[in-house]
Protein backbone atom coordinates (compact mmCIF):
# COMPACT_ATOMS: atom_id res chain seq x y z
CA MET A 1 -17.49 15.34 24.52
CA GLU A 2 -13.98 14.64 23.22
CA VAL A 3 -13.17 11.09 22.19
CA ASP A 4 -9.71 9.80 23.11
CA ILE A 5 -8.72 7.67 20.13
CA LEU A 6 -5.10 7.09 21.13
CA ASN A 7 -5.31 5.58 24.57
CA ASP A 8 -2.51 3.02 24.37
CA TYR A 9 0.53 2.36 26.53
CA GLU A 10 2.86 4.71 24.67
CA HIS A 11 0.44 7.62 24.65
CA SER A 12 -0.59 7.19 28.29
CA VAL A 13 3.07 7.56 29.33
CA THR A 14 3.97 10.38 26.93
CA ASN A 15 0.79 12.31 27.74
CA LYS A 16 1.58 12.12 31.45
CA ILE A 17 5.15 13.30 30.81
CA THR A 18 3.86 16.20 28.69
CA GLU A 19 1.20 17.18 31.21
CA TYR A 20 3.21 16.95 34.43
CA GLY A 21 6.85 17.04 33.22
CA GLY A 22 7.32 20.63 34.43
CA ASN A 23 6.34 19.84 38.02
CA ALA A 24 9.25 19.88 40.47
CA ASP A 25 8.27 16.53 42.03
CA PHE A 26 7.73 14.75 38.71
CA PRO A 27 10.24 11.94 37.96
CA GLN A 28 13.03 13.10 35.69
CA PRO A 29 14.74 10.75 33.21
CA GLU A 30 18.20 11.85 34.35
CA ASP A 31 17.45 10.50 37.85
CA TYR A 32 17.03 7.06 36.27
CA LYS A 33 20.16 7.34 34.06
CA VAL A 34 18.15 7.56 30.82
CA THR A 35 17.50 10.29 28.28
CA LYS A 36 14.18 11.54 26.99
CA ALA A 37 15.10 10.26 23.51
CA ASP A 38 15.82 6.79 24.94
CA VAL A 39 12.43 6.73 26.64
CA GLU A 40 10.58 7.87 23.51
CA SER A 41 12.36 5.31 21.33
CA TYR A 42 11.76 2.55 23.88
CA LEU A 43 8.06 3.41 24.17
CA PHE A 44 7.68 3.44 20.39
CA ASP A 45 9.36 0.04 20.06
CA LYS A 46 7.37 -1.46 22.93
CA GLN A 47 4.07 -0.17 21.53
CA ALA A 48 4.94 -1.65 18.12
CA ILE A 49 5.49 -5.03 19.75
CA LEU A 50 2.28 -4.76 21.77
CA ASP A 51 0.38 -3.92 18.57
CA SER A 52 2.05 -6.66 16.52
CA LEU A 53 -0.88 -9.07 16.88
CA GLY A 54 -3.14 -6.59 15.13
CA SER A 55 -6.64 -5.61 16.08
CA GLN A 56 -9.08 -8.03 17.63
CA LYS A 57 -10.97 -8.05 14.33
CA SER A 58 -7.88 -9.12 12.37
CA GLN A 59 -7.11 -11.81 14.96
CA TYR A 60 -10.62 -13.25 14.60
CA THR A 61 -10.36 -13.07 10.82
CA LEU A 62 -7.08 -15.00 10.84
CA ALA A 63 -8.52 -17.59 13.23
CA GLY A 64 -11.60 -18.01 11.03
CA VAL A 65 -9.51 -18.53 7.90
CA LEU A 66 -7.30 -21.06 9.68
CA ILE A 67 -10.32 -22.97 10.98
CA VAL A 68 -12.00 -23.14 7.55
CA LEU A 69 -8.83 -23.92 5.58
CA PRO A 70 -8.66 -27.67 6.47
CA VAL A 71 -12.38 -28.02 5.71
CA LEU A 72 -11.75 -26.60 2.22
CA VAL A 73 -8.80 -28.95 1.72
CA ALA A 74 -10.89 -31.92 2.88
CA SER A 75 -13.62 -30.99 0.40
CA ILE A 76 -11.20 -31.76 -2.45
CA PHE A 77 -11.28 -35.47 -1.60
CA PRO A 78 -14.21 -37.76 -2.42
CA GLU A 79 -16.54 -38.42 0.54
CA ASP A 80 -15.81 -42.15 0.65
CA GLU A 81 -12.06 -41.47 1.09
CA LEU A 82 -12.54 -39.27 4.17
CA PRO A 83 -12.32 -40.94 7.58
CA GLY A 84 -15.89 -41.36 8.82
CA GLY A 85 -17.41 -40.34 5.51
CA ALA A 86 -18.53 -36.80 4.75
CA ALA A 87 -19.67 -35.95 8.30
CA GLY A 88 -16.65 -37.53 10.02
CA GLY A 89 -14.25 -35.90 7.59
CA ALA A 90 -15.84 -32.50 8.11
CA VAL A 91 -15.64 -32.84 11.89
CA LEU A 92 -12.00 -33.94 11.75
CA ALA A 93 -11.13 -31.10 9.37
CA LEU A 94 -12.89 -28.61 11.65
CA LEU A 95 -10.99 -29.92 14.68
CA ALA A 96 -7.73 -29.70 12.73
CA GLY A 97 -8.57 -26.10 11.83
CA ILE A 98 -9.28 -25.20 15.45
CA LEU A 99 -6.01 -26.83 16.49
CA LEU A 100 -4.15 -24.94 13.75
CA ALA A 101 -5.68 -21.62 14.84
CA LEU A 102 -4.73 -22.28 18.48
CA ILE A 103 -1.15 -23.18 17.55
CA VAL A 104 -0.76 -20.02 15.45
CA ALA A 105 -2.20 -17.86 18.26
CA LEU A 106 0.13 -19.44 20.83
CA VAL A 107 3.18 -18.99 18.58
CA GLN A 108 2.27 -15.33 17.93
CA ARG A 109 1.94 -14.64 21.65
CA ALA A 110 5.18 -16.48 22.44
CA VAL A 111 7.04 -14.44 19.81
CA ARG A 112 5.57 -11.22 21.21
CA LYS A 113 6.60 -12.20 24.74
CA MET A 114 10.12 -13.06 23.55
CA ARG A 115 10.44 -9.73 21.72
CA LEU A 116 9.27 -7.83 24.83
CA ARG A 117 11.78 -9.73 26.97
CA LYS A 118 14.55 -8.90 24.47
CA LEU A 119 13.59 -5.21 24.44
CA TYR A 120 13.37 -4.89 28.25
CA GLU A 121 15.63 -2.27 29.84
CA SER A 122 15.30 -1.99 33.60
CA ASP A 123 16.34 1.68 33.91
CA ILE A 124 13.73 2.80 31.39
CA GLU A 125 11.06 0.51 32.86
CA ASP A 126 11.78 1.94 36.33
CA TYR A 127 11.36 5.47 34.98
CA ILE A 128 8.11 4.56 33.18
CA ALA A 129 6.77 2.92 36.33
CA ALA A 130 7.57 6.07 38.33
CA VAL A 131 5.81 8.22 35.69
CA LEU A 132 2.71 6.03 35.76
CA ARG A 133 2.64 6.07 39.58
CA TYR A 134 2.95 9.87 39.73
CA ASN A 135 -0.03 11.74 41.14
CA GLU A 136 -0.08 15.52 41.01
CA LYS A 137 -0.11 17.13 44.46
CA ILE A 138 -2.80 19.75 44.72
């Protein structure tokens, strides 16, 4: 059994182009006023943006660090100076960490969405959509 390690957006499109590109009824880039080089460059850039958040493991690691960070900062202060004492201060610091992690995650996703919107080219997207819709006629 062969394991498909690279099963992302870029490779799913390029693999389909490689496999079916010689078929007469397969969408051709020229019909969409784009070149093969434009499509490859666009797919590379789009995949880089899609991957910019990192793996799920790295996202969880970042969130964990951001959640614990305020707790570590709060531990610097004496217990009697924390609001609600040691337990109240720990709870507030934990809530601040969760809020910080959520804000960072939202900002990362907003930046990714903005970069995808900036990259968007309708001619290339139309061609990619036609490639992904293509089904070989038997």
